[in-house]
Amino acid sequence: MTTPNPQQPGATLRTVGWSPAVAQLTAQRTAGQQAAFLLPYLKPGTRLLDCGCGPGTITIGLAEAVAPGEVVGIDIGAPQIEVARANAAQKGTPNVRFQVGDILKLPFEDNSFDVAYANNVIMYFGDSPDQALKEMRRVLRPGGLIGIRNPGGGYVLNPEGGPVQQANAILTNVWNHTGQVLPGSGRKAKAYLRRAGFVRCEGFADCEFYGSPEAIQKMAETEAVRVRGYTRAVELGLTDEATLERLAQEILEWGKDADAFWSRICCSAIGWKEG
């Protein structure tokens, strides 16, 4: 949920708008959920880099897993970094720090980290995340580990065919027109790592979901913000502002439905730098 560099791929699409609803939803993300595939490989004393850390809640969990090892979270959005620092201070996590940074030009020396991680980042480079992954490989020490996680493509929603699905179809059309974002890139995570020079690569999958009334309402509020931000779809002639506003309102109503449900498959992969 960052505000990206306009020169980067996906720049017009990554920003979904920052609001209390978005902040609350992203703040619910934890290392136990989004990095479960990576946690068994982490050891105390490990130095770890989290690329695209957002509000830092996952990063803080990773820091707890490798303490007293240092964890550095980077994000290209300065407001996100401020939120992450505040979250770390509130949590009292001394071995984590945050700074503004670009995954395409990481501000670190070669061979600086034992582990590099990125959640929901690689998908924003279309089908060519090579530069980002090679930068992560560069800053890893020989024998270092990388872990990436992205949506694998496909949602399970109730009611089927409702406003959330309609909004997803509009965004998918934008991605198909621009080629900047590959929403199902998670399924290629293992292949991407191999292509970037990593070895002994392995793939995983998990299901992300929102099912409680409170979680669904927060998801609906966030989706409404996201839909109103689909300005690129209007520019491409794929929809109009009136339709986006109608969908936003319908999504808010969906969030009040006691039967509403949202889930998606996410895919992850790990690999090692030869050494």
C-alpha atoms as a PDB file:
ATOM      1  CA  MET A   1       0.000   0.000   0.000  1.00  0.00           C
ATOM      2  CA  THR A   2       2.779   2.381  -0.841  1.00  0.00           C
ATOM      3  CA  THR A   3       3.121   5.602  -2.779  1.00  0.00           C
ATOM      4  CA  PRO A   4       5.679   4.548  -5.396  1.00  0.00           C
ATOM      5  CA  ASN A   5       8.257   6.316  -7.455  1.00  0.00           C
ATOM      6  CA  PRO A   6       6.475   7.496 -10.627  1.00  0.00           C
ATOM      7  CA  GLN A   7       9.347   6.112 -12.677  1.00  0.00           C
ATOM      8  CA  GLN A   8       8.814   2.587 -11.416  1.00  0.00           C
ATOM      9  CA  PRO A   9       6.623  -0.034 -13.057  1.00  0.00           C
ATOM     10  CA  GLY A  10       3.152  -0.028 -11.595  1.00  0.00           C
ATOM     11  CA  ALA A  11       3.476   3.505 -10.247  1.00  0.00           C
ATOM     12  CA  THR A  12      -0.030   4.542 -11.237  1.00  0.00           C
ATOM     13  CA  LEU A  13      -1.506   1.355  -9.825  1.00  0.00           C
ATOM     14  CA  ARG A  14       0.223   0.698  -6.512  1.00  0.00           C
ATOM     15  CA  THR A  15      -1.262   3.665  -4.709  1.00  0.00           C
ATOM     16  CA  VAL A  16      -4.730   2.760  -3.422  1.00  0.00           C
ATOM     17  CA  GLY A  17      -5.195   5.730  -1.153  1.00  0.00           C
ATOM     18  CA  TRP A  18      -4.326   6.080   2.519  1.00  0.00           C
ATOM     19  CA  SER A  19      -7.165   6.236   5.009  1.00  0.00           C
ATOM     20  CA  PRO A  20      -7.946   4.947   8.510  1.00  0.00           C
ATOM     21  CA  ALA A  21      -9.603   1.916   6.878  1.00  0.00           C
ATOM     22  CA  VAL A  22      -6.504   1.087   4.818  1.00  0.00           C
ATOM     23  CA  ALA A  23      -4.249   1.628   7.821  1.00  0.00           C
ATOM     24  CA  GLN A  24      -6.356  -0.655  10.007  1.00  0.00           C
ATOM     25  CA  LEU A  25      -6.423  -3.411   7.408  1.00  0.00           C
ATOM     26  CA  THR A  26      -2.690  -3.414   6.669  1.00  0.00           C
ATOM     27  CA  ALA A  27      -1.915  -3.172  10.382  1.00  0.00           C
ATOM     28  CA  GLN A  28      -3.596  -6.561  10.857  1.00  0.00           C
ATOM     29  CA  ARG A  29      -0.917  -8.280   8.793  1.00  0.00           C
ATOM     30  CA  THR A  30       1.531 -10.341  10.823  1.00  0.00           C
ATOM     31  CA  ALA A  31       4.654 -12.373  10.188  1.00  0.00           C
ATOM     32  CA  GLY A  32       2.766 -15.426  11.435  1.00  0.00           C
ATOM     33  CA  GLN A  33       0.339 -15.060   8.537  1.00  0.00           C
ATOM     34  CA  GLN A  34       2.223 -13.461   5.668  1.00  0.00           C
ATOM     35  CA  ALA A  35       5.635 -15.001   6.355  1.00  0.00           C
ATOM     36  CA  ALA A  36       4.683 -18.393   7.806  1.00  0.00           C
ATOM     37  CA  PHE A  37       6.600 -20.120   4.985  1.00  0.00           C
ATOM     38  CA  LEU A  38       9.788 -18.256   5.953  1.00  0.00           C
ATOM     39  CA  LEU A  39       9.690 -18.414   9.757  1.00  0.00           C
ATOM     40  CA  PRO A  40      11.017 -21.998  10.089  1.00  0.00           C
ATOM     41  CA  TYR A  41      14.252 -20.903   8.381  1.00  0.00           C
ATOM     42  CA  LEU A  42      14.938 -17.921  10.641  1.00  0.00           C
ATOM     43  CA  LYS A  43      17.420 -18.118  13.505  1.00  0.00           C
ATOM     44  CA  PRO A  44      18.371 -15.794  16.345  1.00  0.00           C
ATOM     45  CA  GLY A  45      21.082 -13.394  15.231  1.00  0.00           C
ATOM     46  CA  THR A  46      19.988 -13.357  11.574  1.00  0.00           C
ATOM     47  CA  ARG A  47      20.219  -9.988   9.779  1.00  0.00           C
ATOM     48  CA  LEU A  48      17.100  -9.564   7.633  1.00  0.00           C
ATOM     49  CA  LEU A  49      15.862  -7.066   5.029  1.00  0.00           C
ATOM     50  CA  ASP A  50      12.117  -6.538   4.479  1.00  0.00           C
ATOM     51  CA  CYS A  51      11.463  -4.882   1.106  1.00  0.00           C
ATOM     52  CA  GLY A  52       8.171  -2.994   0.844  1.00  0.00           C
ATOM     53  CA  CYS A  53       7.556  -3.126   4.589  1.00  0.00           C
ATOM     54  CA  GLY A  54       4.506  -0.830   4.622  1.00  0.00           C
ATOM     55  CA  PRO A  55       3.374  -0.092   8.193  1.00  0.00           C
ATOM     56  CA  GLY A  56       5.927  -2.555   9.547  1.00  0.00           C
ATOM     57  CA  THR A  57       3.713  -5.034  11.374  1.00  0.00           C
ATOM     58  CA  ILE A  58       5.147  -8.005   9.469  1.00  0.00           C
ATOM     59  CA  THR A  59       8.667  -6.601   9.868  1.00  0.00           C
ATOM     60  CA  ILE A  60       8.259  -6.324  13.629  1.00  0.00           C
ATOM     61  CA  GLY A  61       7.217  -9.975  13.802  1.00  0.00           C
ATOM     62  CA  LEU A  62      10.267 -10.963  11.765  1.00  0.00           C
ATOM     63  CA  ALA A  63      12.452  -8.945  14.149  1.00  0.00           C
ATOM     64  CA  GLU A  64      11.036 -10.872  17.080  1.00  0.00           C
ATOM     65  CA  ALA A  65      11.856 -14.131  15.297  1.00  0.00           C
ATOM     66  CA  VAL A  66      15.537 -13.278  14.698  1.00  0.00           C
ATOM     67  CA  ALA A  67      16.294 -11.262  17.868  1.00  0.00           C
ATOM     68  CA  PRO A  68      18.900 -10.110  18.716  1.00  0.00           C
ATOM     69  CA  GLY A  69      19.644  -9.971  14.973  1.00  0.00           C
ATOM     70  CA  GLU A  70      18.936  -6.703  13.188  1.00  0.00           C
ATOM     71  CA  VAL A  71      15.967  -6.295  10.839  1.00  0.00           C
ATOM     72  CA  VAL A  72      15.722  -3.393   8.380  1.00  0.00           C
ATOM     73  CA  GLY A  73      12.434  -2.490   6.722  1.00  0.00           C
ATOM     74  CA  ILE A  74      12.378  -0.320   3.604  1.00  0.00           C
ATOM     75  CA  ASP A  75       9.489   1.234   1.726  1.00  0.00           C
ATOM     76  CA  ILE A  76       9.422   3.799  -1.034  1.00  0.00           C
ATOM     77  CA  GLY A  77       6.618   5.673   0.745  1.00  0.00           C
ATOM     78  CA  ALA A  78       7.873   8.025   3.485  1.00  0.00           C
ATOM     79  CA  PRO A  79       4.452   8.152   5.245  1.00  0.00           C
ATOM     80  CA  GLN A  80       4.519   4.370   5.578  1.00  0.00           C
ATOM     81  CA  ILE A  81       7.965   4.494   7.153  1.00  0.00           C
ATOM     82  CA  GLU A  82       6.757   6.978   9.761  1.00  0.00           C
ATOM     83  CA  VAL A  83       3.859   4.667  10.623  1.00  0.00           C
ATOM     84  CA  ALA A  84       6.238   1.698  10.832  1.00  0.00           C
ATOM     85  CA  ARG A  85       8.565   3.552  13.195  1.00  0.00           C
ATOM     86  CA  ALA A  86       5.633   4.485  15.409  1.00  0.00           C
ATOM     87  CA  ASN A  87       4.430   0.873  15.458  1.00  0.00           C
ATOM     88  CA  ALA A  88       7.892  -0.399  16.392  1.00  0.00           C
ATOM     89  CA  ALA A  89       8.184   2.168  19.197  1.00  0.00           C
ATOM     90  CA  GLN A  90       4.773   1.213  20.544  1.00  0.00           C
ATOM     91  CA  LYS A  91       5.616  -2.485  20.356  1.00  0.00           C
ATOM     92  CA  GLY A  92       9.013  -1.942  21.954  1.00  0.00           C
ATOM     93  CA  THR A  93      11.071  -3.797  19.335  1.00  0.00           C
ATOM     94  CA  PRO A  94      14.697  -2.625  19.697  1.00  0.00           C
ATOM     95  CA  ASN A  95      16.261  -4.677  16.880  1.00  0.00           C
ATOM     96  CA  VAL A  96      14.221  -3.232  13.999  1.00  0.00           C
ATOM     97  CA  ARG A  97      14.702  -0.015  12.051  1.00  0.00           C
ATOM     98  CA  PHE A  98      12.958   1.512   9.057  1.00  0.00           C
ATOM     99  CA  GLN A  99      14.089   3.748   6.221  1.00  0.00           C
ATOM    100  CA  VAL A 100      12.901   4.973   2.848  1.00  0.00           C
ATOM    101  CA  GLY A 101      14.372   2.823   0.106  1.00  0.00           C
ATOM    102  CA  ASP A 102      13.863   1.678  -3.478  1.00  0.00           C
ATOM    103  CA  ILE A 103      13.897  -2.062  -4.159  1.00  0.00           C
ATOM    104  CA  LEU A 104      15.337  -1.357  -7.618  1.00  0.00           C
ATOM    105  CA  LYS A 105      18.323   0.407  -6.071  1.00  0.00           C
ATOM    106  CA  LEU A 106      18.760  -0.862  -2.542  1.00  0.00           C
ATOM    107  CA  PRO A 107      20.830   1.497  -0.340  1.00  0.00           C
ATOM    108  CA  PHE A 108      23.020  -1.280   1.052  1.00  0.00           C
ATOM    109  CA  GLU A 109      26.411  -2.791   0.307  1.00  0.00           C
ATOM    110  CA  ASP A 110      26.815  -6.171  -1.354  1.00  0.00           C
ATOM    111  CA  ASN A 111      26.569  -9.175   0.968  1.00  0.00           C
ATOM    112  CA  SER A 112      24.895  -7.223   3.786  1.00  0.00           C
ATOM    113  CA  PHE A 113      22.035  -9.513   4.859  1.00  0.00           C
ATOM    114  CA  ASP A 114      21.396 -13.158   5.693  1.00  0.00           C
ATOM    115  CA  VAL A 115      17.742 -13.069   4.588  1.00  0.00           C
ATOM    116  CA  ALA A 116      15.682 -10.859   2.255  1.00  0.00           C
ATOM    117  CA  TYR A 117      11.877 -10.838   2.208  1.00  0.00           C
ATOM    118  CA  ALA A 118       9.174  -9.153   0.109  1.00  0.00           C
ATOM    119  CA  ASN A 119       5.410  -9.455   0.555  1.00  0.00           C
ATOM    120  CA  ASN A 120       3.034  -8.328  -2.223  1.00  0.00           C
ATOM    121  CA  VAL A 121       5.801  -6.411  -4.003  1.00  0.00           C
ATOM    122  CA  ILE A 122       7.086  -8.487  -6.926  1.00  0.00           C
ATOM    123  CA  MET A 123       3.656  -8.506  -8.614  1.00  0.00           C
ATOM    124  CA  TYR A 124       4.043  -4.793  -9.352  1.00  0.00           C
ATOM    125  CA  PHE A 125       6.790  -5.430 -11.881  1.00  0.00           C
ATOM    126  CA  GLY A 126       4.600  -7.303 -14.348  1.00  0.00           C
ATOM    127  CA  ASP A 127       6.242 -10.455 -15.617  1.00  0.00           C
ATOM    128  CA  SER A 128       9.727  -8.932 -15.298  1.00  0.00           C
ATOM    129  CA  PRO A 129      10.710  -8.667 -11.629  1.00  0.00           C
ATOM    130  CA  ASP A 130      14.289  -9.624 -12.473  1.00  0.00           C
ATOM    131  CA  GLN A 131      15.881  -6.297 -11.547  1.00  0.00           C
ATOM    132  CA  ALA A 132      14.227  -6.194  -8.140  1.00  0.00           C
ATOM    133  CA  LEU A 133      15.117  -9.818  -7.375  1.00  0.00           C
ATOM    134  CA  LYS A 134      18.702  -9.398  -8.538  1.00  0.00           C
ATOM    135  CA  GLU A 135      19.043  -6.364  -6.259  1.00  0.00           C
ATOM    136  CA  MET A 136      17.812  -8.464  -3.352  1.00  0.00           C
ATOM    137  CA  ARG A 137      20.293 -11.161  -4.368  1.00  0.00           C
ATOM    138  CA  ARG A 138      23.104  -8.618  -4.505  1.00  0.00           C
ATOM    139  CA  VAL A 139      22.658  -7.556  -0.878  1.00  0.00           C
ATOM    140  CA  LEU A 140      22.447 -11.152   0.364  1.00  0.00           C
ATOM    141  CA  ARG A 141      25.540 -12.844   1.701  1.00  0.00           C
ATOM    142  CA  PRO A 142      26.704 -16.057   0.003  1.00  0.00           C
ATOM    143  CA  GLY A 143      24.362 -18.766   1.227  1.00  0.00           C
ATOM    144  CA  GLY A 144      21.708 -16.159   2.054  1.00  0.00           C
ATOM    145  CA  LEU A 145      17.978 -16.852   1.820  1.00  0.00           C
ATOM    146  CA  ILE A 146      15.217 -14.993  -0.045  1.00  0.00           C
ATOM    147  CA  GLY A 147      11.472 -15.305   0.535  1.00  0.00           C
ATOM    148  CA  ILE A 148       8.733 -13.696  -1.601  1.00  0.00           C
ATOM    149  CA  ARG A 149       4.935 -13.873  -1.387  1.00  0.00           C
ATOM    150  CA  ASN A 150       2.256 -12.615  -3.796  1.00  0.00           C
ATOM    151  CA  PRO A 151      -1.352 -13.385  -4.775  1.00  0.00           C
ATOM    152  CA  GLY A 152      -1.567 -16.562  -6.817  1.00  0.00           C
ATOM    153  CA  GLY A 153      -4.594 -15.487  -8.813  1.00  0.00           C
ATOM    154  CA  GLY A 154      -8.230 -16.157  -8.064  1.00  0.00           C
ATOM    155  CA  TYR A 155     -10.666 -15.124  -5.350  1.00  0.00           C
ATOM    156  CA  VAL A 156     -13.415 -16.938  -3.483  1.00  0.00           C
ATOM    157  CA  LEU A 157     -16.164 -14.424  -2.719  1.00  0.00           C
ATOM    158  CA  ASN A 158     -19.690 -14.430  -1.417  1.00  0.00           C
ATOM    159  CA  PRO A 159     -21.962 -13.361  -2.924  1.00  0.00           C
ATOM    160  CA  GLU A 160     -20.434 -14.508  -6.196  1.00  0.00           C
ATOM    161  CA  GLY A 161     -20.504 -11.937  -8.976  1.00  0.00           C
ATOM    162  CA  GLY A 162     -21.077  -9.059  -6.547  1.00  0.00           C
ATOM    163  CA  PRO A 163     -19.503  -5.574  -6.499  1.00  0.00           C
ATOM    164  CA  VAL A 164     -16.118  -6.757  -5.198  1.00  0.00           C
ATOM    165  CA  GLN A 165     -15.787  -9.155  -8.120  1.00  0.00           C
ATOM    166  CA  GLN A 166     -16.892  -6.440 -10.546  1.00  0.00           C
ATOM    167  CA  ALA A 167     -14.282  -4.045  -9.129  1.00  0.00           C
ATOM    168  CA  ASN A 168     -11.586  -6.734  -9.403  1.00  0.00           C
ATOM    169  CA  ALA A 169     -12.519  -7.235 -13.068  1.00  0.00           C
ATOM    170  CA  ILE A 170     -12.008  -3.521 -13.781  1.00  0.00           C
ATOM    171  CA  LEU A 171      -8.573  -3.513 -12.150  1.00  0.00           C
ATOM    172  CA  THR A 172      -7.582  -6.699 -13.969  1.00  0.00           C
ATOM    173  CA  ASN A 173      -8.503  -5.000 -17.257  1.00  0.00           C
ATOM    174  CA  VAL A 174      -6.211  -2.100 -16.359  1.00  0.00           C
ATOM    175  CA  TRP A 175      -3.379  -4.498 -15.592  1.00  0.00           C
ATOM    176  CA  ASN A 176      -3.946  -6.366 -18.845  1.00  0.00           C
ATOM    177  CA  HIS A 177      -3.852  -3.087 -20.809  1.00  0.00           C
ATOM    178  CA  THR A 178      -0.700  -1.749 -19.166  1.00  0.00           C
ATOM    179  CA  GLY A 179       1.204  -4.943 -18.431  1.00  0.00           C
ATOM    180  CA  GLN A 180       2.587  -3.272 -15.294  1.00  0.00           C
ATOM    181  CA  VAL A 181       1.035  -5.626 -12.760  1.00  0.00           C
ATOM    182  CA  LEU A 182       0.660  -9.382 -12.886  1.00  0.00           C
ATOM    183  CA  PRO A 183      -2.033 -10.258 -10.307  1.00  0.00           C
ATOM    184  CA  GLY A 184      -1.376 -14.006 -10.462  1.00  0.00           C
ATOM    185  CA  SER A 185       2.401 -13.638 -10.241  1.00  0.00           C
ATOM    186  CA  GLY A 186       2.564 -15.638  -7.025  1.00  0.00           C
ATOM    187  CA  ARG A 187       2.222 -18.874  -8.953  1.00  0.00           C
ATOM    188  CA  LYS A 188       5.448 -17.961 -10.802  1.00  0.00           C
ATOM    189  CA  ALA A 189       7.379 -17.061  -7.637  1.00  0.00           C
ATOM    190  CA  LYS A 190       9.596 -20.135  -7.745  1.00  0.00           C
ATOM    191  CA  ALA A 191      10.324 -19.641 -11.450  1.00  0.00           C
ATOM    192  CA  TYR A 192      11.172 -15.965 -10.885  1.00  0.00           C
ATOM    193  CA  LEU A 193      13.704 -16.855  -8.187  1.00  0.00           C
ATOM    194  CA  ARG A 194      15.369 -19.454 -10.388  1.00  0.00           C
ATOM    195  CA  ARG A 195      15.523 -16.953 -13.253  1.00  0.00           C
ATOM    196  CA  ALA A 196      17.206 -14.418 -10.956  1.00  0.00           C
ATOM    197  CA  GLY A 197      19.963 -16.901 -10.091  1.00  0.00           C
ATOM    198  CA  PHE A 198      18.730 -18.422  -6.831  1.00  0.00           C
ATOM    199  CA  VAL A 199      19.156 -22.148  -6.201  1.00  0.00           C
ATOM    200  CA  ARG A 200      17.313 -24.895  -4.277  1.00  0.00           C
ATOM    201  CA  CYS A 201      14.058 -22.999  -4.764  1.00  0.00           C
ATOM    202  CA  GLU A 202      10.834 -24.204  -3.167  1.00  0.00           C
ATOM    203  CA  GLY A 203       7.210 -23.067  -3.527  1.00  0.00           C
ATOM    204  CA  PHE A 204       4.336 -22.808  -1.027  1.00  0.00           C
ATOM    205  CA  ALA A 205       0.703 -21.652  -0.899  1.00  0.00           C
ATOM    206  CA  ASP A 206      -1.715 -20.349   1.717  1.00  0.00           C
ATOM    207  CA  CYS A 207      -5.181 -18.836   1.883  1.00  0.00           C
ATOM    208  CA  GLU A 208      -5.792 -15.260   3.016  1.00  0.00           C
ATOM    209  CA  PHE A 209      -9.346 -14.569   4.167  1.00  0.00           C
ATOM    210  CA  TYR A 210     -11.727 -12.175   5.913  1.00  0.00           C
ATOM    211  CA  GLY A 211     -14.759 -13.826   7.438  1.00  0.00           C
ATOM    212  CA  SER A 212     -15.820 -12.112  10.654  1.00  0.00           C
ATOM    213  CA  PRO A 213     -18.283  -9.194  10.500  1.00  0.00           C
ATOM    214  CA  GLU A 214     -15.600  -6.799  11.752  1.00  0.00           C
ATOM    215  CA  ALA A 215     -12.985  -7.993   9.271  1.00  0.00           C
ATOM    216  CA  ILE A 216     -15.435  -7.876   6.365  1.00  0.00           C
ATOM    217  CA  GLN A 217     -16.466  -4.330   7.227  1.00  0.00           C
ATOM    218  CA  LYS A 218     -12.840  -3.171   7.316  1.00  0.00           C
ATOM    219  CA  MET A 219     -12.193  -4.964   4.019  1.00  0.00           C
ATOM    220  CA  ALA A 220     -15.224  -3.257   2.474  1.00  0.00           C
ATOM    221  CA  GLU A 221     -14.081   0.178   3.644  1.00  0.00           C
ATOM    222  CA  THR A 222     -10.633  -0.460   2.200  1.00  0.00           C
ATOM    223  CA  GLU A 223     -12.002  -1.782  -1.093  1.00  0.00           C
ATOM    224  CA  ALA A 224     -14.221   1.302  -1.428  1.00  0.00           C
ATOM    225  CA  VAL A 225     -11.131   3.516  -1.060  1.00  0.00           C
ATOM    226  CA  ARG A 226      -9.305   1.375  -3.599  1.00  0.00           C
ATOM    227  CA  VAL A 227     -12.127   1.504  -6.156  1.00  0.00           C
ATOM    228  CA  ARG A 228     -12.441   5.280  -5.954  1.00  0.00           C
ATOM    229  CA  GLY A 229      -8.722   5.404  -6.750  1.00  0.00           C
ATOM    230  CA  TYR A 230      -9.011   3.511 -10.054  1.00  0.00           C
ATOM    231  CA  THR A 231      -8.388   6.703 -12.013  1.00  0.00           C
ATOM    232  CA  ARG A 232      -6.224   4.845 -14.514  1.00  0.00           C
ATOM    233  CA  ALA A 233      -9.241   2.762 -15.547  1.00  0.00           C
ATOM    234  CA  VAL A 234     -11.132   5.968 -16.355  1.00  0.00           C
ATOM    235  CA  GLU A 235      -8.171   7.358 -18.309  1.00  0.00           C
ATOM    236  CA  LEU A 236      -8.047   4.162 -20.395  1.00  0.00           C
ATOM    237  CA  GLY A 237     -11.772   4.368 -21.126  1.00  0.00           C
ATOM    238  CA  LEU A 238     -12.497   1.093 -19.302  1.00  0.00           C
ATOM    239  CA  THR A 239     -15.065   2.652 -16.975  1.00  0.00           C
ATOM    240  CA  ASP A 240     -16.234   6.035 -15.697  1.00  0.00           C
ATOM    241  CA  GLU A 241     -16.234   7.842 -12.360  1.00  0.00           C
ATOM    242  CA  ALA A 242     -19.967   7.293 -11.853  1.00  0.00           C
ATOM    243  CA  THR A 243     -19.534   3.537 -12.157  1.00  0.00           C
ATOM    244  CA  LEU A 244     -16.625   3.552  -9.722  1.00  0.00           C
ATOM    245  CA  GLU A 245     -18.634   5.515  -7.178  1.00  0.00           C
ATOM    246  CA  ARG A 246     -21.588   3.157  -7.587  1.00  0.00           C
ATOM    247  CA  LEU A 247     -19.328   0.153  -7.005  1.00  0.00           C
ATOM    248  CA  ALA A 248     -17.745   1.804  -3.965  1.00  0.00           C
ATOM    249  CA  GLN A 249     -21.177   2.336  -2.422  1.00  0.00           C
ATOM    250  CA  GLU A 250     -22.262  -1.211  -3.244  1.00  0.00           C
ATOM    251  CA  ILE A 251     -19.074  -2.594  -1.700  1.00  0.00           C
ATOM    252  CA  LEU A 252     -19.793  -0.689   1.522  1.00  0.00           C
ATOM    253  CA  GLU A 253     -23.246  -2.288   1.545  1.00  0.00           C
ATOM    254  CA  TRP A 254     -21.651  -5.691   0.870  1.00  0.00           C
ATOM    255  CA  GLY A 255     -19.575  -5.154   3.997  1.00  0.00           C
ATOM    256  CA  LYS A 256     -22.783  -5.053   6.052  1.00  0.00           C
ATOM    257  CA  ASP A 257     -24.030  -8.392   4.686  1.00  0.00           C
ATOM    258  CA  ALA A 258     -23.896 -11.059   7.397  1.00  0.00           C
ATOM    259  CA  ASP A 259     -23.142 -13.678   4.707  1.00  0.00           C
ATOM    260  CA  ALA A 260     -20.266 -11.769   3.052  1.00  0.00           C
ATOM    261  CA  PHE A 261     -16.934 -13.589   2.688  1.00  0.00           C
ATOM    262  CA  TRP A 262     -13.605 -12.757   0.992  1.00  0.00           C
ATOM    263  CA  SER A 263     -10.583 -14.976   0.389  1.00  0.00           C
ATOM    264  CA  ARG A 264      -7.732 -15.482  -2.055  1.00  0.00           C
ATOM    265  CA  ILE A 265      -4.892 -17.888  -2.653  1.00  0.00           C
ATOM    266  CA  CYS A 266      -1.361 -16.565  -2.108  1.00  0.00           C
ATOM    267  CA  CYS A 267       1.816 -18.275  -3.296  1.00  0.00           C
ATOM    268  CA  SER A 268       5.301 -18.004  -1.852  1.00  0.00           C
ATOM    269  CA  ALA A 269       8.786 -19.191  -2.700  1.00  0.00           C
ATOM    270  CA  ILE A 270      12.194 -19.381  -1.095  1.00  0.00           C
ATOM    271  CA  GLY A 271      15.636 -19.751  -2.628  1.00  0.00           C
ATOM    272  CA  TRP A 272      19.275 -19.474  -1.705  1.00  0.00           C
ATOM    273  CA  LYS A 273      22.170 -17.448  -3.053  1.00  0.00           C
ATOM    274  CA  GLU A 274      25.008 -19.746  -3.963  1.00  0.00           C
ATOM    275  CA  GLY A 275      27.960 -19.534  -1.648  1.00  0.00           C
END
